[in-house]
Amino acid sequence: RVRQEGWWREAGLSLSDVARRLATNESYV
């Protein structure tokens, strides 16, 4: 999902950013 959405292109991407977009918890990610 991260690859397809292209989130990895964002400089400074954080674990909390990804967890929020996946609608889940940071610990789970």
PDB file of all heavy atoms in Angstrom:
ATOM      1  N   ARG A   1       0.842  -1.200   0.000  1.00  0.00           N
ATOM      2  CA  ARG A   1       0.000   0.000   0.000  1.00  0.00           C
ATOM      3  C   ARG A   1       0.883   1.257   0.000  1.00  0.00           C
ATOM      4  O   ARG A   1       0.611   2.218  -0.739  1.00  0.00           O
ATOM      5  CB  ARG A   1      -0.892  -0.025   1.245  1.00  0.00           C
ATOM      6  CG  ARG A   1      -1.728   1.239   1.443  1.00  0.00           C
ATOM      7  CD  ARG A   1      -2.993   1.235   0.623  1.00  0.00           C
ATOM      8  NE  ARG A   1      -3.721   2.491   0.790  1.00  0.00           N
ATOM      9  CZ  ARG A   1      -4.489   2.790   1.840  1.00  0.00           C
ATOM     10  NH1 ARG A   1      -4.653   1.889   2.819  1.00  0.00           N
ATOM     11  NH2 ARG A   1      -5.106   3.948   1.894  1.00  0.00           N
ATOM     12  N   VAL A   2       1.914   1.249   0.806  1.00  0.00           N
ATOM     13  CA  VAL A   2       2.841   2.387   0.849  1.00  0.00           C
ATOM     14  C   VAL A   2       3.480   2.597  -0.519  1.00  0.00           C
ATOM     15  O   VAL A   2       3.616   3.729  -0.991  1.00  0.00           O
ATOM     16  CB  VAL A   2       3.931   2.158   1.921  1.00  0.00           C
ATOM     17  CG1 VAL A   2       5.008   3.231   1.822  1.00  0.00           C
ATOM     18  CG2 VAL A   2       3.320   2.155   3.320  1.00  0.00           C
ATOM     19  N   ARG A   3       3.859   1.482  -1.173  1.00  0.00           N
ATOM     20  CA  ARG A   3       4.504   1.582  -2.487  1.00  0.00           C
ATOM     21  C   ARG A   3       3.542   2.121  -3.532  1.00  0.00           C
ATOM     22  O   ARG A   3       3.872   3.036  -4.298  1.00  0.00           O
ATOM     23  CB  ARG A   3       5.020   0.212  -2.917  1.00  0.00           C
ATOM     24  CG  ARG A   3       5.871   0.246  -4.189  1.00  0.00           C
ATOM     25  CD  ARG A   3       6.210  -1.146  -4.664  1.00  0.00           C
ATOM     26  NE  ARG A   3       5.017  -1.842  -5.113  1.00  0.00           N
ATOM     27  CZ  ARG A   3       4.428  -1.645  -6.291  1.00  0.00           C
ATOM     28  NH1 ARG A   3       4.919  -0.764  -7.149  1.00  0.00           N
ATOM     29  NH2 ARG A   3       3.333  -2.317  -6.612  1.00  0.00           N
ATOM     30  N   GLN A   4       2.343   1.561  -3.574  1.00  0.00           N
ATOM     31  CA  GLN A   4       1.378   1.965  -4.596  1.00  0.00           C
ATOM     32  C   GLN A   4       0.923   3.421  -4.423  1.00  0.00           C
ATOM     33  O   GLN A   4       0.746   4.145  -5.410  1.00  0.00           O
ATOM     34  CB  GLN A   4       0.163   1.037  -4.558  1.00  0.00           C
ATOM     35  CG  GLN A   4       0.438  -0.370  -5.050  1.00  0.00           C
ATOM     36  CD  GLN A   4      -0.804  -1.245  -5.006  1.00  0.00           C
ATOM     37  OE1 GLN A   4      -1.838  -0.853  -4.460  1.00  0.00           O
ATOM     38  NE2 GLN A   4      -0.707  -2.434  -5.586  1.00  0.00           N
ATOM     39  N   GLU A   5       0.752   3.838  -3.196  1.00  0.00           N
ATOM     40  CA  GLU A   5       0.298   5.210  -2.938  1.00  0.00           C
ATOM     41  C   GLU A   5       1.422   6.226  -3.146  1.00  0.00           C
ATOM     42  O   GLU A   5       1.163   7.430  -3.247  1.00  0.00           O
ATOM     43  CB  GLU A   5      -0.237   5.330  -1.509  1.00  0.00           C
ATOM     44  CG  GLU A   5      -1.461   4.486  -1.214  1.00  0.00           C
ATOM     45  CD  GLU A   5      -2.711   5.034  -1.885  1.00  0.00           C
ATOM     46  OE1 GLU A   5      -2.672   6.181  -2.374  1.00  0.00           O
ATOM     47  OE2 GLU A   5      -3.724   4.311  -1.937  1.00  0.00           O
ATOM     48  N   GLY A   6       2.644   5.746  -3.205  1.00  0.00           N
ATOM     49  CA  GLY A   6       3.769   6.650  -3.416  1.00  0.00           C
ATOM     50  C   GLY A   6       4.124   7.487  -2.192  1.00  0.00           C
ATOM     51  O   GLY A   6       4.808   8.511  -2.313  1.00  0.00           O
ATOM     52  N   TRP A   7       3.723   7.026  -0.993  1.00  0.00           N
ATOM     53  CA  TRP A   7       4.041   7.797   0.220  1.00  0.00           C
ATOM     54  C   TRP A   7       5.536   7.882   0.458  1.00  0.00           C
ATOM     55  O   TRP A   7       6.022   8.846   1.040  1.00  0.00           O
ATOM     56  CB  TRP A   7       3.361   7.164   1.433  1.00  0.00           C
ATOM     57  CG  TRP A   7       1.860   7.147   1.348  1.00  0.00           C
ATOM     58  CD1 TRP A   7       1.072   7.987   0.601  1.00  0.00           C
ATOM     59  CD2 TRP A   7       0.972   6.250   2.017  1.00  0.00           C
ATOM     60  NE1 TRP A   7      -0.246   7.682   0.760  1.00  0.00           N
ATOM     61  CE2 TRP A   7      -0.354   6.609   1.635  1.00  0.00           C
ATOM     62  CE3 TRP A   7       1.135   5.183   2.893  1.00  0.00           C
ATOM     63  CZ2 TRP A   7      -1.479   5.938   2.106  1.00  0.00           C
ATOM     64  CZ3 TRP A   7       0.012   4.512   3.375  1.00  0.00           C
ATOM     65  CH2 TRP A   7      -1.269   4.890   2.982  1.00  0.00           C
ATOM     66  N   TRP A   8       6.253   6.888  -0.019  1.00  0.00           N
ATOM     67  CA  TRP A   8       7.707   6.838   0.202  1.00  0.00           C
ATOM     68  C   TRP A   8       8.430   7.997  -0.481  1.00  0.00           C
ATOM     69  O   TRP A   8       9.582   8.289  -0.157  1.00  0.00           O
ATOM     70  CB  TRP A   8       8.260   5.503  -0.292  1.00  0.00           C
ATOM     71  CG  TRP A   8       7.809   5.122  -1.671  1.00  0.00           C
ATOM     72  CD1 TRP A   8       6.697   4.423  -2.013  1.00  0.00           C
ATOM     73  CD2 TRP A   8       8.450   5.464  -2.909  1.00  0.00           C
ATOM     74  NE1 TRP A   8       6.593   4.289  -3.379  1.00  0.00           N
ATOM     75  CE2 TRP A   8       7.671   4.915  -3.955  1.00  0.00           C
ATOM     76  CE3 TRP A   8       9.605   6.162  -3.240  1.00  0.00           C
ATOM     77  CZ2 TRP A   8       8.004   5.043  -5.295  1.00  0.00           C
ATOM     78  CZ3 TRP A   8       9.961   6.300  -4.568  1.00  0.00           C
ATOM     79  CH2 TRP A   8       9.165   5.744  -5.580  1.00  0.00           C
ATOM     80  N   ARG A   9       7.769   8.669  -1.419  1.00  0.00           N
ATOM     81  CA  ARG A   9       8.407   9.808  -2.091  1.00  0.00           C
ATOM     82  C   ARG A   9       8.443  11.067  -1.209  1.00  0.00           C
ATOM     83  O   ARG A   9       9.090  12.036  -1.556  1.00  0.00           O
ATOM     84  CB  ARG A   9       7.669  10.137  -3.394  1.00  0.00           C
ATOM     85  CG  ARG A   9       7.814   9.093  -4.487  1.00  0.00           C
ATOM     86  CD  ARG A   9       7.307   9.627  -5.819  1.00  0.00           C
ATOM     87  NE  ARG A   9       7.490   8.676  -6.890  1.00  0.00           N
ATOM     88  CZ  ARG A   9       6.594   7.768  -7.252  1.00  0.00           C
ATOM     89  NH1 ARG A   9       5.433   7.716  -6.608  1.00  0.00           N
ATOM     90  NH2 ARG A   9       6.830   6.916  -8.228  1.00  0.00           N
ATOM     91  N   GLU A  10       7.743  11.046  -0.097  1.00  0.00           N
ATOM     92  CA  GLU A  10       7.665  12.218   0.776  1.00  0.00           C
ATOM     93  C   GLU A  10       8.873  12.266   1.708  1.00  0.00           C
ATOM     94  O   GLU A  10       9.072  11.360   2.523  1.00  0.00           O
ATOM     95  CB  GLU A  10       6.376  12.169   1.605  1.00  0.00           C
ATOM     96  CG  GLU A  10       5.111  12.133   0.781  1.00  0.00           C
ATOM     97  CD  GLU A  10       3.890  11.933   1.654  1.00  0.00           C
ATOM     98  OE1 GLU A  10       3.977  12.215   2.874  1.00  0.00           O
ATOM     99  OE2 GLU A  10       2.854  11.489   1.117  1.00  0.00           O
ATOM    100  N   ALA A  11       9.674  13.295   1.578  1.00  0.00           N
ATOM    101  CA  ALA A  11      10.809  13.470   2.488  1.00  0.00           C
ATOM    102  C   ALA A  11      10.281  13.681   3.904  1.00  0.00           C
ATOM    103  O   ALA A  11       9.324  14.419   4.117  1.00  0.00           O
ATOM    104  CB  ALA A  11      11.653  14.665   2.063  1.00  0.00           C
ATOM    105  N   GLY A  12      10.894  13.019   4.862  1.00  0.00           N
ATOM    106  CA  GLY A  12      10.483  13.178   6.244  1.00  0.00           C
ATOM    107  C   GLY A  12       9.289  12.330   6.632  1.00  0.00           C
ATOM    108  O   GLY A  12       8.704  12.537   7.706  1.00  0.00           O
ATOM    109  N   LEU A  13       8.895  11.388   5.781  1.00  0.00           N
ATOM    110  CA  LEU A  13       7.778  10.504   6.117  1.00  0.00           C
ATOM    111  C   LEU A  13       8.069   9.783   7.435  1.00  0.00           C
ATOM    112  O   LEU A  13       9.164   9.267   7.637  1.00  0.00           O
ATOM    113  CB  LEU A  13       7.576   9.482   4.995  1.00  0.00           C
ATOM    114  CG  LEU A  13       6.399   8.517   5.152  1.00  0.00           C
ATOM    115  CD1 LEU A  13       5.075   9.250   4.960  1.00  0.00           C
ATOM    116  CD2 LEU A  13       6.538   7.356   4.164  1.00  0.00           C
ATOM    117  N   SER A  14       7.079   9.743   8.318  1.00  0.00           N
ATOM    118  CA  SER A  14       7.272   9.123   9.626  1.00  0.00           C
ATOM    119  C   SER A  14       6.357   7.920   9.806  1.00  0.00           C
ATOM    120  O   SER A  14       5.368   7.742   9.068  1.00  0.00           O
ATOM    121  CB  SER A  14       7.025  10.127  10.742  1.00  0.00           C
ATOM    122  OG  SER A  14       5.651  10.487  10.791  1.00  0.00           O
ATOM    123  N   LEU A  15       6.665   7.121  10.800  1.00  0.00           N
ATOM    124  CA  LEU A  15       5.842   5.960  11.121  1.00  0.00           C
ATOM    125  C   LEU A  15       4.423   6.390  11.496  1.00  0.00           C
ATOM    126  O   LEU A  15       3.441   5.748  11.099  1.00  0.00           O
ATOM    127  CB  LEU A  15       6.472   5.185  12.281  1.00  0.00           C
ATOM    128  CG  LEU A  15       5.747   3.918  12.729  1.00  0.00           C
ATOM    129  CD1 LEU A  15       5.877   2.831  11.685  1.00  0.00           C
ATOM    130  CD2 LEU A  15       6.299   3.429  14.075  1.00  0.00           C
ATOM    131  N   SER A  16       4.310   7.490  12.226  1.00  0.00           N
ATOM    132  CA  SER A  16       2.980   7.968  12.623  1.00  0.00           C
ATOM    133  C   SER A  16       2.162   8.402  11.400  1.00  0.00           C
ATOM    134  O   SER A  16       0.944   8.199  11.362  1.00  0.00           O
ATOM    135  CB  SER A  16       3.100   9.119  13.620  1.00  0.00           C
ATOM    136  OG  SER A  16       3.786  10.212  13.042  1.00  0.00           O
ATOM    137  N   ASP A  17       2.838   8.982  10.390  1.00  0.00           N
ATOM    138  CA  ASP A  17       2.137   9.360   9.151  1.00  0.00           C
ATOM    139  C   ASP A  17       1.533   8.127   8.486  1.00  0.00           C
ATOM    140  O   ASP A  17       0.358   8.129   8.078  1.00  0.00           O
ATOM    141  CB  ASP A  17       3.095  10.031   8.164  1.00  0.00           C
ATOM    142  CG  ASP A  17       3.616  11.373   8.666  1.00  0.00           C
ATOM    143  OD1 ASP A  17       2.901  12.022   9.443  1.00  0.00           O
ATOM    144  OD2 ASP A  17       4.738  11.749   8.263  1.00  0.00           O
ATOM    145  N   VAL A  18       2.328   7.081   8.366  1.00  0.00           N
ATOM    146  CA  VAL A  18       1.866   5.858   7.699  1.00  0.00           C
ATOM    147  C   VAL A  18       0.763   5.191   8.507  1.00  0.00           C
ATOM    148  O   VAL A  18      -0.253   4.742   7.950  1.00  0.00           O
ATOM    149  CB  VAL A  18       3.050   4.896   7.479  1.00  0.00           C
ATOM    150  CG1 VAL A  18       2.556   3.538   6.980  1.00  0.00           C
ATOM    151  CG2 VAL A  18       4.038   5.489   6.487  1.00  0.00           C
ATOM    152  N   ALA A  19       0.929   5.125   9.827  1.00  0.00           N
ATOM    153  CA  ALA A  19      -0.095   4.489  10.668  1.00  0.00           C
ATOM    154  C   ALA A  19      -1.424   5.227  10.550  1.00  0.00           C
ATOM    155  O   ALA A  19      -2.494   4.596  10.465  1.00  0.00           O
ATOM    156  CB  ALA A  19       0.380   4.472  12.122  1.00  0.00           C
ATOM    157  N   ARG A  20      -1.377   6.544  10.519  1.00  0.00           N
ATOM    158  CA  ARG A  20      -2.610   7.321  10.406  1.00  0.00           C
ATOM    159  C   ARG A  20      -3.295   7.060   9.061  1.00  0.00           C
ATOM    160  O   ARG A  20      -4.522   6.915   8.997  1.00  0.00           O
ATOM    161  CB  ARG A  20      -2.282   8.806  10.555  1.00  0.00           C
ATOM    162  CG  ARG A  20      -3.514   9.702  10.578  1.00  0.00           C
ATOM    163  CD  ARG A  20      -3.162  11.161  10.803  1.00  0.00           C
ATOM    164  NE  ARG A  20      -2.371  11.717   9.720  1.00  0.00           N
ATOM    165  CZ  ARG A  20      -1.053  11.948   9.786  1.00  0.00           C
ATOM    166  NH1 ARG A  20      -0.388  11.664  10.880  1.00  0.00           N
ATOM    167  NH2 ARG A  20      -0.402  12.456   8.746  1.00  0.00           N
ATOM    168  N   ARG A  21      -2.534   6.981   7.990  1.00  0.00           N
ATOM    169  CA  ARG A  21      -3.121   6.759   6.670  1.00  0.00           C
ATOM    170  C   ARG A  21      -3.650   5.337   6.520  1.00  0.00           C
ATOM    171  O   ARG A  21      -4.580   5.089   5.733  1.00  0.00           O
ATOM    172  CB  ARG A  21      -2.091   7.057   5.595  1.00  0.00           C
ATOM    173  CG  ARG A  21      -1.682   8.531   5.548  1.00  0.00           C
ATOM    174  CD  ARG A  21      -0.528   8.788   4.625  1.00  0.00           C
ATOM    175  NE  ARG A  21      -0.036  10.153   4.781  1.00  0.00           N
ATOM    176  CZ  ARG A  21       0.988  10.668   4.080  1.00  0.00           C
ATOM    177  NH1 ARG A  21       1.588   9.921   3.159  1.00  0.00           N
ATOM    178  NH2 ARG A  21       1.378  11.914   4.294  1.00  0.00           N
ATOM    179  N   LEU A  22      -3.034   4.406   7.245  1.00  0.00           N
ATOM    180  CA  LEU A  22      -3.515   3.024   7.211  1.00  0.00           C
ATOM    181  C   LEU A  22      -4.641   2.796   8.209  1.00  0.00           C
ATOM    182  O   LEU A  22      -5.166   1.680   8.301  1.00  0.00           O
ATOM    183  CB  LEU A  22      -2.367   2.057   7.507  1.00  0.00           C
ATOM    184  CG  LEU A  22      -1.255   1.961   6.464  1.00  0.00           C
ATOM    185  CD1 LEU A  22      -0.113   1.103   6.975  1.00  0.00           C
ATOM    186  CD2 LEU A  22      -1.799   1.396   5.153  1.00  0.00           C
ATOM    187  N   ALA A  23      -4.973   3.861   8.980  1.00  0.00           N
ATOM    188  CA  ALA A  23      -6.039   3.781   9.989  1.00  0.00           C
ATOM    189  C   ALA A  23      -5.749   2.695  11.014  1.00  0.00           C
ATOM    190  O   ALA A  23      -6.617   1.891  11.361  1.00  0.00           O
ATOM    191  CB  ALA A  23      -7.393   3.554   9.322  1.00  0.00           C
ATOM    192  N   THR A  24      -4.517   2.688  11.483  1.00  0.00           N
ATOM    193  CA  THR A  24      -4.126   1.688  12.479  1.00  0.00           C
ATOM    194  C   THR A  24      -3.188   2.316  13.491  1.00  0.00           C
ATOM    195  O   THR A  24      -2.990   3.536  13.509  1.00  0.00           O
ATOM    196  CB  THR A  24      -3.476   0.462  11.801  1.00  0.00           C
ATOM    197  OG1 THR A  24      -3.246  -0.558  12.788  1.00  0.00           O
ATOM    198  CG2 THR A  24      -2.149   0.834  11.148  1.00  0.00           C
ATOM    199  N   ASN A  25      -2.596   1.487  14.341  1.00  0.00           N
ATOM    200  CA  ASN A  25      -1.729   1.938  15.424  1.00  0.00           C
ATOM    201  C   ASN A  25      -0.269   1.863  14.998  1.00  0.00           C
ATOM    202  O   ASN A  25       0.125   0.963  14.246  1.00  0.00           O
ATOM    203  CB  ASN A  25      -1.980   1.041  16.650  1.00  0.00           C
ATOM    204  CG  ASN A  25      -1.250   1.500  17.875  1.00  0.00           C
ATOM    205  OD1 ASN A  25      -0.054   1.256  18.021  1.00  0.00           O
ATOM    206  ND2 ASN A  25      -1.962   2.178  18.755  1.00  0.00           N
ATOM    207  N   GLU A  26       0.549   2.817  15.491  1.00  0.00           N
ATOM    208  CA  GLU A  26       1.983   2.802  15.176  1.00  0.00           C
ATOM    209  C   GLU A  26       2.637   1.488  15.584  1.00  0.00           C
ATOM    210  O   GLU A  26       3.512   0.968  14.882  1.00  0.00           O
ATOM    211  CB  GLU A  26       2.696   3.962  15.881  1.00  0.00           C
ATOM    212  CG  GLU A  26       2.307   5.333  15.375  1.00  0.00           C
ATOM    213  CD  GLU A  26       2.962   6.427  16.184  1.00  0.00           C
ATOM    214  OE1 GLU A  26       4.092   6.214  16.668  1.00  0.00           O
ATOM    215  OE2 GLU A  26       2.350   7.498  16.349  1.00  0.00           O
ATOM    216  N   SER A  27       2.230   0.962  16.722  1.00  0.00           N
ATOM    217  CA  SER A  27       2.824  -0.290  17.200  1.00  0.00           C
ATOM    218  C   SER A  27       2.548  -1.434  16.235  1.00  0.00           C
ATOM    219  O   SER A  27       3.411  -2.300  16.009  1.00  0.00           O
ATOM    220  CB  SER A  27       2.267  -0.641  18.587  1.00  0.00           C
ATOM    221  OG  SER A  27       2.618   0.340  19.530  1.00  0.00           O
ATOM    222  N   TYR A  28       1.344  -1.451  15.633  1.00  0.00           N
ATOM    223  CA  TYR A  28       1.019  -2.502  14.685  1.00  0.00           C
ATOM    224  C   TYR A  28       1.860  -2.388  13.411  1.00  0.00           C
ATOM    225  O   TYR A  28       2.343  -3.389  12.874  1.00  0.00           O
ATOM    226  CB  TYR A  28      -0.471  -2.456  14.322  1.00  0.00           C
ATOM    227  CG  TYR A  28      -1.396  -2.901  15.429  1.00  0.00           C
ATOM    228  CD1 TYR A  28      -2.768  -2.674  15.339  1.00  0.00           C
ATOM    229  CD2 TYR A  28      -0.896  -3.552  16.557  1.00  0.00           C
ATOM    230  CE1 TYR A  28      -3.623  -3.077  16.348  1.00  0.00           C
ATOM    231  CE2 TYR A  28      -1.745  -3.954  17.571  1.00  0.00           C
ATOM    232  CZ  TYR A  28      -3.106  -3.713  17.467  1.00  0.00           C
ATOM    233  OH  TYR A  28      -3.953  -4.108  18.466  1.00  0.00           O
ATOM    234  N   VAL A  29       2.001  -1.168  12.916  1.00  0.00           N
ATOM    235  CA  VAL A  29       2.814  -0.978  11.709  1.00  0.00           C
ATOM    236  C   VAL A  29       4.256  -1.398  11.977  1.00  0.00           C
ATOM    237  O   VAL A  29       4.883  -2.086  11.157  1.00  0.00           O
ATOM    238  CB  VAL A  29       2.751   0.488  11.237  1.00  0.00           C
ATOM    239  CG1 VAL A  29       3.620   0.664   9.983  1.00  0.00           C
ATOM    240  CG2 VAL A  29       1.326   0.907  10.943  1.00  0.00           C
TER     241      VAL A  29
END
